[in-house]
Amino acid sequence: LAQLVNVIAPIFTQTGGGIFKQTIFYP
């Protein structure tokens, strides 16, 4: 799955901050 974090990814972070699971994370 391309890719893993932030760049077209299921995991999304804020630099210096939080994190959340994108919708595609769950399947």
mmCIF file of all heavy atoms, coordinates in Angstrom:
data_MODEL
# 
_entry.id   MODEL 
# 
loop_
_atom_site.group_PDB 
_atom_site.id 
_atom_site.type_symbol 
_atom_site.label_atom_id 
_atom_site.label_alt_id 
_atom_site.label_comp_id 
_atom_site.label_asym_id 
_atom_site.label_entity_id 
_atom_site.label_seq_id 
_atom_site.pdbx_PDB_ins_code 
_atom_site.Cartn_x 
_atom_site.Cartn_y 
_atom_site.Cartn_z 
_atom_site.occupancy 
_atom_site.B_iso_or_equiv 
_atom_site.pdbx_formal_charge 
_atom_site.auth_seq_id 
_atom_site.auth_comp_id 
_atom_site.auth_asym_id 
_atom_site.auth_atom_id 
_atom_site.pdbx_PDB_model_num 
ATOM 1   N N   . LEU A 1 1  ? 0.867   -1.179 0.000  1.00 0.00 ? 1  LEU A N   1 
ATOM 2   C CA  . LEU A 1 1  ? 0.000   0.000  0.000  1.00 0.00 ? 1  LEU A CA  1 
ATOM 3   C C   . LEU A 1 1  ? 0.901   1.226  0.000  1.00 0.00 ? 1  LEU A C   1 
ATOM 4   O O   . LEU A 1 1  ? 1.738   1.393  0.883  1.00 0.00 ? 1  LEU A O   1 
ATOM 5   C CB  . LEU A 1 1  ? -0.892  0.006  1.236  1.00 0.00 ? 1  LEU A CB  1 
ATOM 6   C CG  . LEU A 1 1  ? -1.799  1.227  1.388  1.00 0.00 ? 1  LEU A CG  1 
ATOM 7   C CD1 . LEU A 1 1  ? -2.931  1.182  0.374  1.00 0.00 ? 1  LEU A CD1 1 
ATOM 8   C CD2 . LEU A 1 1  ? -2.360  1.305  2.802  1.00 0.00 ? 1  LEU A CD2 1 
ATOM 9   N N   . ALA A 1 2  ? 0.737   2.075  -1.006 1.00 0.00 ? 2  ALA A N   1 
ATOM 10  C CA  . ALA A 1 2  ? 1.596   3.255  -1.127 1.00 0.00 ? 2  ALA A CA  1 
ATOM 11  C C   . ALA A 1 2  ? 0.780   4.497  -0.764 1.00 0.00 ? 2  ALA A C   1 
ATOM 12  O O   . ALA A 1 2  ? -0.182  4.795  -1.446 1.00 0.00 ? 2  ALA A O   1 
ATOM 13  C CB  . ALA A 1 2  ? 2.129   3.376  -2.551 1.00 0.00 ? 2  ALA A CB  1 
ATOM 14  N N   . GLN A 1 3  ? 1.216   5.181  0.328  1.00 0.00 ? 3  GLN A N   1 
ATOM 15  C CA  . GLN A 1 3  ? 2.322   4.849  1.194  1.00 0.00 ? 3  GLN A CA  1 
ATOM 16  C C   . GLN A 1 3  ? 1.828   4.653  2.623  1.00 0.00 ? 3  GLN A C   1 
ATOM 17  O O   . GLN A 1 3  ? 0.633   4.486  2.811  1.00 0.00 ? 3  GLN A O   1 
ATOM 18  C CB  . GLN A 1 3  ? 3.395   5.921  1.100  1.00 0.00 ? 3  GLN A CB  1 
ATOM 19  C CG  . GLN A 1 3  ? 4.013   6.009  -0.308 1.00 0.00 ? 3  GLN A CG  1 
ATOM 20  C CD  . GLN A 1 3  ? 5.196   6.961  -0.394 1.00 0.00 ? 3  GLN A CD  1 
ATOM 21  O OE1 . GLN A 1 3  ? 5.813   7.369  0.580  1.00 0.00 ? 3  GLN A OE1 1 
ATOM 22  N NE2 . GLN A 1 3  ? 5.507   7.359  -1.615 1.00 0.00 ? 3  GLN A NE2 1 
ATOM 23  N N   . LEU A 1 4  ? 2.708   4.768  3.612  1.00 0.00 ? 4  LEU A N   1 
ATOM 24  C CA  . LEU A 1 4  ? 2.357   4.403  4.983  1.00 0.00 ? 4  LEU A CA  1 
ATOM 25  C C   . LEU A 1 4  ? 1.944   5.587  5.851  1.00 0.00 ? 4  LEU A C   1 
ATOM 26  O O   . LEU A 1 4  ? 0.985   5.499  6.613  1.00 0.00 ? 4  LEU A O   1 
ATOM 27  C CB  . LEU A 1 4  ? 3.541   3.675  5.637  1.00 0.00 ? 4  LEU A CB  1 
ATOM 28  C CG  . LEU A 1 4  ? 3.338   3.071  7.024  1.00 0.00 ? 4  LEU A CG  1 
ATOM 29  C CD1 . LEU A 1 4  ? 2.174   2.082  7.032  1.00 0.00 ? 4  LEU A CD1 1 
ATOM 30  C CD2 . LEU A 1 4  ? 4.615   2.389  7.501  1.00 0.00 ? 4  LEU A CD2 1 
ATOM 31  N N   . VAL A 1 5  ? 2.678   6.705  5.745  1.00 0.00 ? 5  VAL A N   1 
ATOM 32  C CA  . VAL A 1 5  ? 2.419   7.865  6.609  1.00 0.00 ? 5  VAL A CA  1 
ATOM 33  C C   . VAL A 1 5  ? 2.400   9.147  5.779  1.00 0.00 ? 5  VAL A C   1 
ATOM 34  O O   . VAL A 1 5  ? 3.331   9.398  5.003  1.00 0.00 ? 5  VAL A O   1 
ATOM 35  C CB  . VAL A 1 5  ? 3.493   7.997  7.716  1.00 0.00 ? 5  VAL A CB  1 
ATOM 36  C CG1 . VAL A 1 5  ? 3.147   9.130  8.675  1.00 0.00 ? 5  VAL A CG1 1 
ATOM 37  C CG2 . VAL A 1 5  ? 3.661   6.697  8.485  1.00 0.00 ? 5  VAL A CG2 1 
ATOM 38  N N   . ASN A 1 6  ? 1.337   9.922  5.921  1.00 0.00 ? 6  ASN A N   1 
ATOM 39  C CA  . ASN A 1 6  ? 1.174   11.276 5.364  1.00 0.00 ? 6  ASN A CA  1 
ATOM 40  C C   . ASN A 1 6  ? 1.045   11.329 3.853  1.00 0.00 ? 6  ASN A C   1 
ATOM 41  O O   . ASN A 1 6  ? 0.161   12.018 3.317  1.00 0.00 ? 6  ASN A O   1 
ATOM 42  C CB  . ASN A 1 6  ? 2.316   12.202 5.813  1.00 0.00 ? 6  ASN A CB  1 
ATOM 43  C CG  . ASN A 1 6  ? 2.259   12.519 7.296  1.00 0.00 ? 6  ASN A CG  1 
ATOM 44  O OD1 . ASN A 1 6  ? 1.184   12.522 7.894  1.00 0.00 ? 6  ASN A OD1 1 
ATOM 45  N ND2 . ASN A 1 6  ? 3.406   12.760 7.901  1.00 0.00 ? 6  ASN A ND2 1 
ATOM 46  N N   . VAL A 1 7  ? 1.914   10.677 3.113  1.00 0.00 ? 7  VAL A N   1 
ATOM 47  C CA  . VAL A 1 7  ? 1.879   10.707 1.647  1.00 0.00 ? 7  VAL A CA  1 
ATOM 48  C C   . VAL A 1 7  ? 0.945   9.607  1.165  1.00 0.00 ? 7  VAL A C   1 
ATOM 49  O O   . VAL A 1 7  ? 1.250   8.423  1.289  1.00 0.00 ? 7  VAL A O   1 
ATOM 50  C CB  . VAL A 1 7  ? 3.296   10.516 1.071  1.00 0.00 ? 7  VAL A CB  1 
ATOM 51  C CG1 . VAL A 1 7  ? 3.255   10.464 -0.455 1.00 0.00 ? 7  VAL A CG1 1 
ATOM 52  C CG2 . VAL A 1 7  ? 4.223   11.627 1.543  1.00 0.00 ? 7  VAL A CG2 1 
ATOM 53  N N   . ILE A 1 8  ? -0.232  10.007 0.634  1.00 0.00 ? 8  ILE A N   1 
ATOM 54  C CA  . ILE A 1 8  ? -1.280  9.062  0.222  1.00 0.00 ? 8  ILE A CA  1 
ATOM 55  C C   . ILE A 1 8  ? -1.295  7.844  1.151  1.00 0.00 ? 8  ILE A C   1 
ATOM 56  O O   . ILE A 1 8  ? -1.031  6.716  0.729  1.00 0.00 ? 8  ILE A O   1 
ATOM 57  C CB  . ILE A 1 8  ? -1.146  8.672  -1.267 1.00 0.00 ? 8  ILE A CB  1 
ATOM 58  C CG1 . ILE A 1 8  ? 0.260   8.215  -1.643 1.00 0.00 ? 8  ILE A CG1 1 
ATOM 59  C CG2 . ILE A 1 8  ? -1.571  9.807  -2.154 1.00 0.00 ? 8  ILE A CG2 1 
ATOM 60  C CD1 . ILE A 1 8  ? 0.363   7.651  -3.070 1.00 0.00 ? 8  ILE A CD1 1 
ATOM 61  N N   . ALA A 1 9  ? -1.661  8.061  2.405  1.00 0.00 ? 9  ALA A N   1 
ATOM 62  C CA  . ALA A 1 9  ? -1.377  7.081  3.450  1.00 0.00 ? 9  ALA A CA  1 
ATOM 63  C C   . ALA A 1 9  ? -2.543  6.884  4.409  1.00 0.00 ? 9  ALA A C   1 
ATOM 64  O O   . ALA A 1 9  ? -3.373  7.775  4.588  1.00 0.00 ? 9  ALA A O   1 
ATOM 65  C CB  . ALA A 1 9  ? -0.149  7.533  4.243  1.00 0.00 ? 9  ALA A CB  1 
ATOM 66  N N   . PRO A 1 10 ? -2.593  5.715  5.069  1.00 0.00 ? 10 PRO A N   1 
ATOM 67  C CA  . PRO A 1 10 ? -3.642  5.459  6.069  1.00 0.00 ? 10 PRO A CA  1 
ATOM 68  C C   . PRO A 1 10 ? -3.412  6.180  7.394  1.00 0.00 ? 10 PRO A C   1 
ATOM 69  O O   . PRO A 1 10 ? -4.339  6.306  8.187  1.00 0.00 ? 10 PRO A O   1 
ATOM 70  C CB  . PRO A 1 10 ? -3.575  3.942  6.262  1.00 0.00 ? 10 PRO A CB  1 
ATOM 71  C CG  . PRO A 1 10 ? -2.165  3.577  5.925  1.00 0.00 ? 10 PRO A CG  1 
ATOM 72  C CD  . PRO A 1 10 ? -1.758  4.522  4.825  1.00 0.00 ? 10 PRO A CD  1 
ATOM 73  N N   . ILE A 1 11 ? -2.172  6.605  7.657  1.00 0.00 ? 11 ILE A N   1 
ATOM 74  C CA  . ILE A 1 11 ? -1.825  7.297  8.902  1.00 0.00 ? 11 ILE A CA  1 
ATOM 75  C C   . ILE A 1 11 ? -1.450  8.729  8.556  1.00 0.00 ? 11 ILE A C   1 
ATOM 76  O O   . ILE A 1 11 ? -0.650  8.968  7.647  1.00 0.00 ? 11 ILE A O   1 
ATOM 77  C CB  . ILE A 1 11 ? -0.650  6.600  9.615  1.00 0.00 ? 11 ILE A CB  1 
ATOM 78  C CG1 . ILE A 1 11 ? -1.021  5.160  9.970  1.00 0.00 ? 11 ILE A CG1 1 
ATOM 79  C CG2 . ILE A 1 11 ? -0.229  7.363  10.858 1.00 0.00 ? 11 ILE A CG2 1 
ATOM 80  C CD1 . ILE A 1 11 ? 0.157   4.321  10.468 1.00 0.00 ? 11 ILE A CD1 1 
ATOM 81  N N   . PHE A 1 12 ? -2.009  9.687  9.290  1.00 0.00 ? 12 PHE A N   1 
ATOM 82  C CA  . PHE A 1 12 ? -1.755  11.096 9.001  1.00 0.00 ? 12 PHE A CA  1 
ATOM 83  C C   . PHE A 1 12 ? -1.353  11.813 10.284 1.00 0.00 ? 12 PHE A C   1 
ATOM 84  O O   . PHE A 1 12 ? -2.000  11.682 11.314 1.00 0.00 ? 12 PHE A O   1 
ATOM 85  C CB  . PHE A 1 12 ? -3.001  11.754 8.416  1.00 0.00 ? 12 PHE A CB  1 
ATOM 86  C CG  . PHE A 1 12 ? -2.716  13.013 7.654  1.00 0.00 ? 12 PHE A CG  1 
ATOM 87  C CD1 . PHE A 1 12 ? -2.383  12.975 6.305  1.00 0.00 ? 12 PHE A CD1 1 
ATOM 88  C CD2 . PHE A 1 12 ? -2.763  14.254 8.282  1.00 0.00 ? 12 PHE A CD2 1 
ATOM 89  C CE1 . PHE A 1 12 ? -2.111  14.145 5.602  1.00 0.00 ? 12 PHE A CE1 1 
ATOM 90  C CE2 . PHE A 1 12 ? -2.489  15.416 7.592  1.00 0.00 ? 12 PHE A CE2 1 
ATOM 91  C CZ  . PHE A 1 12 ? -2.158  15.362 6.243  1.00 0.00 ? 12 PHE A CZ  1 
ATOM 92  N N   . THR A 1 13 ? -0.241  12.561 10.188 1.00 0.00 ? 13 THR A N   1 
ATOM 93  C CA  . THR A 1 13 ? 0.271   13.252 11.362 1.00 0.00 ? 13 THR A CA  1 
ATOM 94  C C   . THR A 1 13 ? 0.332   14.757 11.130 1.00 0.00 ? 13 THR A C   1 
ATOM 95  O O   . THR A 1 13 ? 0.347   15.237 9.993  1.00 0.00 ? 13 THR A O   1 
ATOM 96  C CB  . THR A 1 13 ? 1.698   12.790 11.715 1.00 0.00 ? 13 THR A CB  1 
ATOM 97  O OG1 . THR A 1 13 ? 2.622   13.313 10.748 1.00 0.00 ? 13 THR A OG1 1 
ATOM 98  C CG2 . THR A 1 13 ? 1.810   11.282 11.757 1.00 0.00 ? 13 THR A CG2 1 
ATOM 99  N N   . GLN A 1 14 ? 0.394   15.457 12.238 1.00 0.00 ? 14 GLN A N   1 
ATOM 100 C CA  . GLN A 1 14 ? 0.673   16.892 12.218 1.00 0.00 ? 14 GLN A CA  1 
ATOM 101 C C   . GLN A 1 14 ? 2.091   17.078 12.730 1.00 0.00 ? 14 GLN A C   1 
ATOM 102 O O   . GLN A 1 14 ? 2.444   16.546 13.795 1.00 0.00 ? 14 GLN A O   1 
ATOM 103 C CB  . GLN A 1 14 ? -0.319  17.638 13.111 1.00 0.00 ? 14 GLN A CB  1 
ATOM 104 C CG  . GLN A 1 14 ? -0.170  19.145 13.100 1.00 0.00 ? 14 GLN A CG  1 
ATOM 105 C CD  . GLN A 1 14 ? -1.226  19.797 13.975 1.00 0.00 ? 14 GLN A CD  1 
ATOM 106 O OE1 . GLN A 1 14 ? -1.398  19.418 15.130 1.00 0.00 ? 14 GLN A OE1 1 
ATOM 107 N NE2 . GLN A 1 14 ? -1.943  20.768 13.421 1.00 0.00 ? 14 GLN A NE2 1 
ATOM 108 N N   . THR A 1 15 ? 2.931   17.775 11.985 1.00 0.00 ? 15 THR A N   1 
ATOM 109 C CA  . THR A 1 15 ? 4.298   17.993 12.427 1.00 0.00 ? 15 THR A CA  1 
ATOM 110 C C   . THR A 1 15 ? 4.282   18.735 13.767 1.00 0.00 ? 15 THR A C   1 
ATOM 111 O O   . THR A 1 15 ? 3.712   19.811 13.881 1.00 0.00 ? 15 THR A O   1 
ATOM 112 C CB  . THR A 1 15 ? 5.087   18.797 11.381 1.00 0.00 ? 15 THR A CB  1 
ATOM 113 O OG1 . THR A 1 15 ? 5.091   18.073 10.148 1.00 0.00 ? 15 THR A OG1 1 
ATOM 114 C CG2 . THR A 1 15 ? 6.516   19.022 11.834 1.00 0.00 ? 15 THR A CG2 1 
ATOM 115 N N   . GLY A 1 16 ? 4.869   18.097 14.770 1.00 0.00 ? 16 GLY A N   1 
ATOM 116 C CA  . GLY A 1 16 ? 4.863   18.660 16.106 1.00 0.00 ? 16 GLY A CA  1 
ATOM 117 C C   . GLY A 1 16 ? 3.574   18.434 16.868 1.00 0.00 ? 16 GLY A C   1 
ATOM 118 O O   . GLY A 1 16 ? 3.447   18.826 18.032 1.00 0.00 ? 16 GLY A O   1 
ATOM 119 N N   . GLY A 1 17 ? 2.592   17.775 16.225 1.00 0.00 ? 17 GLY A N   1 
ATOM 120 C CA  . GLY A 1 17 ? 1.276   17.643 16.842 1.00 0.00 ? 17 GLY A CA  1 
ATOM 121 C C   . GLY A 1 17 ? 0.704   16.246 16.823 1.00 0.00 ? 17 GLY A C   1 
ATOM 122 O O   . GLY A 1 17 ? 1.405   15.265 17.069 1.00 0.00 ? 17 GLY A O   1 
ATOM 123 N N   . GLY A 1 18 ? -0.587  16.170 16.485 1.00 0.00 ? 18 GLY A N   1 
ATOM 124 C CA  . GLY A 1 18 ? -1.351  14.941 16.660 1.00 0.00 ? 18 GLY A CA  1 
ATOM 125 C C   . GLY A 1 18 ? -1.280  13.982 15.491 1.00 0.00 ? 18 GLY A C   1 
ATOM 126 O O   . GLY A 1 18 ? -0.454  14.101 14.580 1.00 0.00 ? 18 GLY A O   1 
ATOM 127 N N   . ILE A 1 19 ? -2.193  13.025 15.533 1.00 0.00 ? 19 ILE A N   1 
ATOM 128 C CA  . ILE A 1 19 ? -2.211  11.935 14.564 1.00 0.00 ? 19 ILE A CA  1 
ATOM 129 C C   . ILE A 1 19 ? -3.647  11.433 14.450 1.00 0.00 ? 19 ILE A C   1 
ATOM 130 O O   . ILE A 1 19 ? -4.427  11.531 15.402 1.00 0.00 ? 19 ILE A O   1 
ATOM 131 C CB  . ILE A 1 19 ? -1.270  10.796 15.036 1.00 0.00 ? 19 ILE A CB  1 
ATOM 132 C CG1 . ILE A 1 19 ? -1.072  9.733  13.960 1.00 0.00 ? 19 ILE A CG1 1 
ATOM 133 C CG2 . ILE A 1 19 ? -1.773  10.165 16.320 1.00 0.00 ? 19 ILE A CG2 1 
ATOM 134 C CD1 . ILE A 1 19 ? 0.031   8.735  14.290 1.00 0.00 ? 19 ILE A CD1 1 
ATOM 135 N N   . PHE A 1 20 ? -4.017  10.933 13.269 1.00 0.00 ? 20 PHE A N   1 
ATOM 136 C CA  . PHE A 1 20 ? -5.335  10.288 13.160 1.00 0.00 ? 20 PHE A CA  1 
ATOM 137 C C   . PHE A 1 20 ? -5.290  9.183  12.113 1.00 0.00 ? 20 PHE A C   1 
ATOM 138 O O   . PHE A 1 20 ? -4.392  9.135  11.266 1.00 0.00 ? 20 PHE A O   1 
ATOM 139 C CB  . PHE A 1 20 ? -6.451  11.297 12.865 1.00 0.00 ? 20 PHE A CB  1 
ATOM 140 C CG  . PHE A 1 20 ? -6.451  11.876 11.472 1.00 0.00 ? 20 PHE A CG  1 
ATOM 141 C CD1 . PHE A 1 20 ? -7.123  11.249 10.419 1.00 0.00 ? 20 PHE A CD1 1 
ATOM 142 C CD2 . PHE A 1 20 ? -5.796  13.080 11.205 1.00 0.00 ? 20 PHE A CD2 1 
ATOM 143 C CE1 . PHE A 1 20 ? -7.138  11.794 9.150  1.00 0.00 ? 20 PHE A CE1 1 
ATOM 144 C CE2 . PHE A 1 20 ? -5.810  13.631 9.934  1.00 0.00 ? 20 PHE A CE2 1 
ATOM 145 C CZ  . PHE A 1 20 ? -6.487  12.988 8.904  1.00 0.00 ? 20 PHE A CZ  1 
ATOM 146 N N   . LYS A 1 21 ? -6.277  8.295  12.205 1.00 0.00 ? 21 LYS A N   1 
ATOM 147 C CA  . LYS A 1 21 ? -6.424  7.187  11.269 1.00 0.00 ? 21 LYS A CA  1 
ATOM 148 C C   . LYS A 1 21 ? -7.346  7.619  10.135 1.00 0.00 ? 21 LYS A C   1 
ATOM 149 O O   . LYS A 1 21 ? -8.485  8.022  10.370 1.00 0.00 ? 21 LYS A O   1 
ATOM 150 C CB  . LYS A 1 21 ? -7.003  5.956  11.972 1.00 0.00 ? 21 LYS A CB  1 
ATOM 151 C CG  . LYS A 1 21 ? -6.136  5.413  13.088 1.00 0.00 ? 21 LYS A CG  1 
ATOM 152 C CD  . LYS A 1 21 ? -6.841  4.287  13.845 1.00 0.00 ? 21 LYS A CD  1 
ATOM 153 C CE  . LYS A 1 21 ? -5.970  3.763  14.977 1.00 0.00 ? 21 LYS A CE  1 
ATOM 154 N NZ  . LYS A 1 21 ? -6.663  2.698  15.758 1.00 0.00 ? 21 LYS A NZ  1 
ATOM 155 N N   . GLN A 1 22 ? -6.845  7.531  8.913  1.00 0.00 ? 22 GLN A N   1 
ATOM 156 C CA  . GLN A 1 22 ? -7.674  7.839  7.756  1.00 0.00 ? 22 GLN A CA  1 
ATOM 157 C C   . GLN A 1 22 ? -8.710  6.732  7.551  1.00 0.00 ? 22 GLN A C   1 
ATOM 158 O O   . GLN A 1 22 ? -8.608  5.636  8.105  1.00 0.00 ? 22 GLN A O   1 
ATOM 159 C CB  . GLN A 1 22 ? -6.782  7.967  6.525  1.00 0.00 ? 22 GLN A CB  1 
ATOM 160 C CG  . GLN A 1 22 ? -5.811  9.139  6.596  1.00 0.00 ? 22 GLN A CG  1 
ATOM 161 C CD  . GLN A 1 22 ? -6.022  10.114 5.460  1.00 0.00 ? 22 GLN A CD  1 
ATOM 162 O OE1 . GLN A 1 22 ? -7.156  10.529 5.174  1.00 0.00 ? 22 GLN A OE1 1 
ATOM 163 N NE2 . GLN A 1 22 ? -4.944  10.486 4.810  1.00 0.00 ? 22 GLN A NE2 1 
ATOM 164 N N   . THR A 1 23 ? -9.690  7.013  6.712  1.00 0.00 ? 23 THR A N   1 
ATOM 165 C CA  . THR A 1 23 ? -10.759 6.032  6.479  1.00 0.00 ? 23 THR A CA  1 
ATOM 166 C C   . THR A 1 23 ? -10.207 4.717  5.935  1.00 0.00 ? 23 THR A C   1 
ATOM 167 O O   . THR A 1 23 ? -10.718 3.641  6.255  1.00 0.00 ? 23 THR A O   1 
ATOM 168 C CB  . THR A 1 23 ? -11.794 6.582  5.489  1.00 0.00 ? 23 THR A CB  1 
ATOM 169 O OG1 . THR A 1 23 ? -11.151 6.852  4.224  1.00 0.00 ? 23 THR A OG1 1 
ATOM 170 C CG2 . THR A 1 23 ? -12.416 7.873  5.998  1.00 0.00 ? 23 THR A CG2 1 
ATOM 171 N N   . ILE A 1 24 ? -9.151  4.794  5.109  1.00 0.00 ? 24 ILE A N   1 
ATOM 172 C CA  . ILE A 1 24 ? -8.616  3.580  4.490  1.00 0.00 ? 24 ILE A CA  1 
ATOM 173 C C   . ILE A 1 24 ? -7.826  2.724  5.483  1.00 0.00 ? 24 ILE A C   1 
ATOM 174 O O   . ILE A 1 24 ? -7.471  1.585  5.162  1.00 0.00 ? 24 ILE A O   1 
ATOM 175 C CB  . ILE A 1 24 ? -7.734  3.905  3.265  1.00 0.00 ? 24 ILE A CB  1 
ATOM 176 C CG1 . ILE A 1 24 ? -6.458  4.654  3.686  1.00 0.00 ? 24 ILE A CG1 1 
ATOM 177 C CG2 . ILE A 1 24 ? -8.513  4.690  2.226  1.00 0.00 ? 24 ILE A CG2 1 
ATOM 178 C CD1 . ILE A 1 24 ? -5.437  4.807  2.571  1.00 0.00 ? 24 ILE A CD1 1 
ATOM 179 N N   . PHE A 1 25 ? -7.536  3.265  6.656  1.00 0.00 ? 25 PHE A N   1 
ATOM 180 C CA  . PHE A 1 25 ? -6.796  2.521  7.677  1.00 0.00 ? 25 PHE A CA  1 
ATOM 181 C C   . PHE A 1 25 ? -7.518  1.217  8.022  1.00 0.00 ? 25 PHE A C   1 
ATOM 182 O O   . PHE A 1 25 ? -6.880  0.161  8.169  1.00 0.00 ? 25 PHE A O   1 
ATOM 183 C CB  . PHE A 1 25 ? -6.660  3.389  8.929  1.00 0.00 ? 25 PHE A CB  1 
ATOM 184 C CG  . PHE A 1 25 ? -5.857  2.777  10.050 1.00 0.00 ? 25 PHE A CG  1 
ATOM 185 C CD1 . PHE A 1 25 ? -4.513  3.115  10.239 1.00 0.00 ? 25 PHE A CD1 1 
ATOM 186 C CD2 . PHE A 1 25 ? -6.437  1.892  10.956 1.00 0.00 ? 25 PHE A CD2 1 
ATOM 187 C CE1 . PHE A 1 25 ? -3.771  2.570  11.271 1.00 0.00 ? 25 PHE A CE1 1 
ATOM 188 C CE2 . PHE A 1 25 ? -5.704  1.339  11.998 1.00 0.00 ? 25 PHE A CE2 1 
ATOM 189 C CZ  . PHE A 1 25 ? -4.360  1.683  12.155 1.00 0.00 ? 25 PHE A CZ  1 
ATOM 190 N N   . TYR A 1 26 ? -8.839  1.294  8.140  1.00 0.00 ? 26 TYR A N   1 
ATOM 191 C CA  . TYR A 1 26 ? -9.576  0.189  8.753  1.00 0.00 ? 26 TYR A CA  1 
ATOM 192 C C   . TYR A 1 26 ? -9.706  -1.058 7.873  1.00 0.00 ? 26 TYR A C   1 
ATOM 193 O O   . TYR A 1 26 ? -9.481  -2.177 8.370  1.00 0.00 ? 26 TYR A O   1 
ATOM 194 C CB  . TYR A 1 26 ? -10.943 0.689  9.219  1.00 0.00 ? 26 TYR A CB  1 
ATOM 195 C CG  . TYR A 1 26 ? -10.805 1.767  10.269 1.00 0.00 ? 26 TYR A CG  1 
ATOM 196 C CD1 . TYR A 1 26 ? -11.033 3.106  9.954  1.00 0.00 ? 26 TYR A CD1 1 
ATOM 197 C CD2 . TYR A 1 26 ? -10.421 1.455  11.570 1.00 0.00 ? 26 TYR A CD2 1 
ATOM 198 C CE1 . TYR A 1 26 ? -10.886 4.100  10.918 1.00 0.00 ? 26 TYR A CE1 1 
ATOM 199 C CE2 . TYR A 1 26 ? -10.267 2.446  12.537 1.00 0.00 ? 26 TYR A CE2 1 
ATOM 200 C CZ  . TYR A 1 26 ? -10.507 3.770  12.197 1.00 0.00 ? 26 TYR A CZ  1 
ATOM 201 O OH  . TYR A 1 26 ? -10.349 4.755  13.151 1.00 0.00 ? 26 TYR A OH  1 
ATOM 202 N N   . PRO A 1 27 ? -10.059 -0.944 6.579  1.00 0.00 ? 27 PRO A N   1 
ATOM 203 C CA  . PRO A 1 27 ? -10.064 -2.176 5.774  1.00 0.00 ? 27 PRO A CA  1 
ATOM 204 C C   . PRO A 1 27 ? -8.696  -2.850 5.732  1.00 0.00 ? 27 PRO A C   1 
ATOM 205 O O   . PRO A 1 27 ? -8.600  -4.082 5.805  1.00 0.00 ? 27 PRO A O   1 
ATOM 206 C CB  . PRO A 1 27 ? -10.496 -1.690 4.385  1.00 0.00 ? 27 PRO A CB  1 
ATOM 207 C CG  . PRO A 1 27 ? -11.218 -0.410 4.630  1.00 0.00 ? 27 PRO A CG  1 
ATOM 208 C CD  . PRO A 1 27 ? -10.554 0.213  5.809  1.00 0.00 ? 27 PRO A CD  1 
# 
